Protein backbone atom coordinates (compact mmCIF):
# COMPACT_ATOMS: atom_id res chain seq x y z
CA MET A 1 0.24 33.64 -2.81
CA GLN A 2 -0.99 37.08 -3.84
CA THR A 3 -4.12 37.81 -5.82
CA THR A 4 -5.31 41.07 -7.29
CA ILE A 5 -9.07 41.79 -7.60
CA TYR A 6 -10.34 44.01 -10.27
CA TYR A 7 -13.82 45.50 -9.90
CA LYS A 8 -16.06 48.09 -11.39
CA ASP A 9 -17.32 51.11 -9.69
CA GLU A 10 -20.76 49.65 -9.31
CA ASP A 11 -19.18 46.72 -7.34
CA GLU A 12 -17.51 48.95 -4.84
CA TYR A 13 -20.28 48.43 -2.33
CA LEU A 14 -19.32 44.84 -2.08
CA ILE A 15 -15.73 45.75 -1.25
CA ASP A 16 -17.09 48.13 1.42
CA LYS A 17 -19.17 45.18 2.92
CA VAL A 18 -15.96 43.06 2.95
CA GLU A 19 -14.17 45.82 4.81
CA GLU A 20 -17.07 46.23 7.32
CA LYS A 21 -17.03 42.54 7.99
CA ALA A 22 -13.22 42.49 8.32
CA ASN A 23 -13.38 45.29 10.92
CA ARG A 24 -16.20 43.67 12.83
CA GLU A 25 -14.44 40.32 12.96
CA ARG A 26 -11.04 41.74 13.41
CA LYS A 27 -9.73 39.88 10.33
CA SER A 28 -7.93 40.94 7.19
CA LYS A 29 -9.99 41.65 4.12
CA SER A 30 -8.28 38.68 2.45
CA ALA A 31 -9.24 36.38 5.24
CA VAL A 32 -12.85 37.59 4.99
CA ILE A 33 -12.81 36.94 1.19
CA LEU A 34 -11.29 33.54 1.60
CA SER A 35 -13.92 32.57 4.24
CA ILE A 36 -16.78 33.69 1.90
CA LEU A 37 -15.27 31.69 -0.92
CA GLU A 38 -14.83 28.62 1.36
CA GLU A 39 -18.33 28.90 2.51
CA TYR A 40 -19.69 29.10 -1.08
CA PHE A 41 -17.64 26.21 -2.42
CA GLU A 42 -18.12 23.98 0.61
CA ALA A 43 -21.79 24.60 1.21
CA GLU A 44 -23.77 21.38 1.71
CA ARG A 45 -20.74 19.18 1.42
CA ARG A 46 -20.13 16.17 3.59
CA ILE A 47 -17.28 16.08 6.02
CA GLY A 48 -15.15 13.62 4.00
CA GLU A 49 -15.51 15.76 0.94
CA ILE A 50 -14.46 18.81 2.86
CA LEU A 51 -11.50 17.04 4.38
CA ASN A 52 -10.46 15.74 0.91
CA ASP A 53 -10.81 19.24 -0.62
CA MET A 54 -8.45 20.50 2.21
CA GLY A 55 -5.96 17.81 1.19
CA ALA A 56 -6.19 16.27 4.69
CA VAL A 57 -7.28 12.76 3.67
CA THR A 58 -7.70 10.66 0.51
CA PHE A 59 -10.93 9.24 -0.71
CA ASP A 60 -9.45 5.67 -0.34
CA ARG A 61 -9.11 6.35 3.43
CA ILE A 62 -12.60 7.94 3.56
CA LYS A 63 -13.93 4.81 1.94
CA ASP A 64 -12.11 2.66 4.51
CA ALA A 65 -13.61 4.73 7.36
CA LEU A 66 -17.16 4.56 5.82
CA GLU A 67 -16.82 0.69 5.62
CA ALA A 68 -15.70 0.61 9.29
CA GLN A 69 -18.76 2.81 10.18
CA GLU A 70 -21.10 0.41 8.29
CA GLN A 71 -19.79 -2.47 10.45
CA GLY A 72 -22.28 -1.27 13.14
CA THR A 73 -20.50 1.34 15.12
CA ASP A 74 -22.20 4.49 16.26
CA LYS A 75 -19.14 6.57 15.75
CA LYS A 76 -19.17 9.48 13.37
CA LEU A 77 -16.87 9.36 10.35
CA GLY A 78 -14.63 12.09 11.69
CA GLU A 79 -14.02 10.06 14.90
CA ILE A 80 -13.17 7.05 12.87
CA LEU A 81 -10.73 9.05 10.63
CA VAL A 82 -8.97 10.58 13.70
CA GLU A 83 -8.78 7.17 15.55
CA ASN A 84 -7.18 5.48 12.59
CA ASP A 85 -4.65 8.35 12.14
CA TYR A 86 -6.05 9.08 8.73
CA VAL A 87 -6.61 12.74 9.62
CA ARG A 88 -5.33 15.15 12.27
CA GLU A 89 -7.84 16.32 14.88
CA VAL A 90 -7.03 19.97 14.02
CA ASP A 91 -8.00 19.29 10.38
CA LEU A 92 -11.23 17.71 11.42
CA ASP A 93 -12.06 20.63 13.70
CA ARG A 94 -11.41 22.95 10.83
CA ALA A 95 -13.58 20.93 8.49
CA LEU A 96 -16.43 20.93 11.04
CA GLN A 97 -16.21 24.71 11.25
CA VAL A 98 -16.54 24.93 7.53
CA GLN A 99 -19.42 22.55 7.46
CA ASP A 100 -21.26 24.53 10.24
CA GLN A 101 -21.02 27.78 8.29
């Protein structure tokens, strides 16, 4: 997918900041912009919500895992989702990275 960003001259400093961050992190400008958007939209979200937003798991399966968690286990929701093959470990790792930002 391709997106074009139109901005005014007074917003150019923001584009400069994106470029600086991209150079510092050795990423593309689009990757930096996407990570900023992801951080904004996923801030303070729970792991199940992030996984659902990613399309990695349905709310029904999250509900099942939460019910299993309430049965007295000390396992985290992500562990239960992976153990039940509801979500791939790589998706959980990505969601945890997003949550930690």
